[in-house]
Protein backbone atom coordinates (compact mmCIF):
# COMPACT_ATOMS: atom_id res chain seq x y z
CA MET A 1 77.50 5.15 -87.01
CA ILE A 2 77.12 1.73 -85.42
CA ARG A 3 74.32 1.32 -82.85
CA ASP A 4 74.46 -1.35 -80.16
CA VAL A 5 71.23 -3.35 -79.91
CA PRO A 6 70.14 -3.67 -76.27
CA LYS A 7 68.47 -6.76 -74.81
CA GLY A 8 64.71 -7.04 -75.30
CA THR A 9 62.88 -4.60 -77.55
CA SER A 10 64.13 -1.22 -78.72
CA ALA A 11 63.20 1.39 -81.32
CA VAL A 12 65.28 3.32 -83.84
CA ASP A 13 64.27 6.23 -86.07
CA ALA A 14 65.26 5.66 -89.70
CA GLU A 15 64.85 7.13 -93.17
CA ILE A 16 63.95 5.32 -96.39
CA GLY A 17 67.16 4.34 -98.22
CA ARG A 18 69.48 5.47 -95.42
CA THR A 19 71.58 2.59 -94.10
CA LEU A 20 71.98 1.85 -90.38
CA GLU A 21 74.51 -0.48 -88.81
CA LEU A 22 73.41 -2.53 -85.81
CA ALA A 23 75.86 -4.33 -83.50
CA LEU A 24 75.16 -7.33 -81.28
CA PRO A 25 77.55 -9.08 -78.87
CA GLY A 26 79.38 -11.85 -80.70
CA GLY A 27 79.52 -15.39 -79.45
CA GLY A 28 83.26 -15.75 -80.00
CA THR A 29 84.16 -19.41 -80.47
CA THR A 30 80.96 -20.75 -78.86
CA GLY A 31 79.32 -21.55 -82.21
CA TYR A 32 76.45 -19.16 -81.54
CA ARG A 33 75.76 -16.54 -84.18
CA TRP A 34 73.18 -13.77 -84.60
CA GLU A 35 70.74 -14.14 -87.50
CA ALA A 36 68.20 -11.64 -88.80
CA ARG A 37 64.74 -12.97 -89.64
CA PRO A 38 63.44 -11.67 -92.98
CA ALA A 39 61.28 -8.54 -92.66
CA ASP A 40 59.20 -7.03 -95.45
CA GLY A 41 60.32 -3.53 -96.42
CA VAL A 42 63.87 -3.69 -95.13
CA GLU A 43 67.08 -5.05 -96.63
CA VAL A 44 69.42 -6.70 -94.12
CA LYS A 45 73.01 -7.64 -94.86
CA ARG A 46 75.48 -9.26 -92.46
CA LEU A 47 78.88 -7.55 -92.35
CA PRO A 48 82.22 -8.90 -91.13
CA ALA A 49 82.45 -8.88 -87.34
CA ARG A 50 83.82 -5.78 -85.63
CA PRO A 51 86.98 -6.61 -83.63
CA ALA A 52 86.71 -6.67 -79.85
CA ALA A 53 87.79 -3.57 -77.93
CA ALA A 54 89.74 -5.64 -75.39
CA PHE A 55 92.29 -8.38 -75.96
CA GLY A 56 90.61 -11.79 -75.86
CA GLY A 57 87.09 -10.35 -76.09
CA ALA A 58 84.46 -11.49 -78.56
CA ALA A 59 83.92 -9.51 -81.75
CA SER A 60 80.54 -7.84 -82.37
CA ASP A 61 78.18 -9.18 -85.03
CA ILE A 62 77.22 -6.33 -87.39
CA PHE A 63 74.11 -6.00 -89.56
CA GLN A 64 73.64 -3.35 -92.23
CA VAL A 65 69.96 -2.41 -92.41
CA THR A 66 68.42 -0.35 -95.24
CA PRO A 67 64.71 0.57 -95.02
CA ARG A 68 62.83 0.45 -98.35
CA ARG A 69 59.41 1.83 -97.28
CA ALA A 70 57.88 4.12 -94.69
CA GLY A 71 56.15 2.87 -91.55
CA ASP A 72 57.10 0.81 -88.52
CA ILE A 73 58.96 -2.45 -89.21
CA SER A 74 60.00 -4.95 -86.54
CA LEU A 75 63.35 -6.59 -87.17
CA GLN A 76 63.87 -9.76 -85.15
CA LEU A 77 67.45 -10.81 -84.38
CA GLU A 78 68.08 -14.28 -82.95
CA LEU A 79 71.17 -15.78 -81.35
CA ARG A 80 71.39 -19.35 -82.64
CA ALA A 81 73.59 -22.39 -82.67
CA PRO A 82 73.30 -24.69 -85.71
CA TRP A 83 72.66 -27.74 -83.50
CA GLN A 84 69.72 -26.21 -81.59
CA ALA A 85 66.15 -25.73 -82.87
CA GLU A 86 65.37 -22.82 -80.53
CA SER A 87 67.19 -19.50 -80.36
CA ALA A 88 69.18 -18.78 -77.20
CA GLU A 89 68.15 -15.11 -77.22
CA THR A 90 65.96 -12.81 -79.29
CA ARG A 91 66.22 -9.05 -79.64
CA VAL A 92 63.68 -6.95 -81.54
CA VAL A 93 64.40 -3.57 -83.11
CA THR A 94 61.40 -1.55 -84.29
CA LEU A 95 62.44 0.69 -87.15
CA ARG A 96 60.32 3.86 -87.25
CA ILE A 97 60.82 4.78 -90.86
CA ARG A 98 59.86 8.18 -92.23
């Protein structure tokens, strides 16, 4: 199941070793791309973009997230362009891992 990550901060219940897929709105041809900041206790892997639902729409950026320990872990996702030092947007997902 793929979960859309809302703007701002959100929380997701998770289990150790059970993989989640998180989707963020893609930047299309703008050059912007979502990046996950490293977080201790969770493995994050970028997957190929999910095609857009509508013709001409931007594909979603997908991250596969696998918790490796119990507890609360904040995963920070940043929308970046390679030519800019600052991120254009940041979304935080708190994984409540049991």
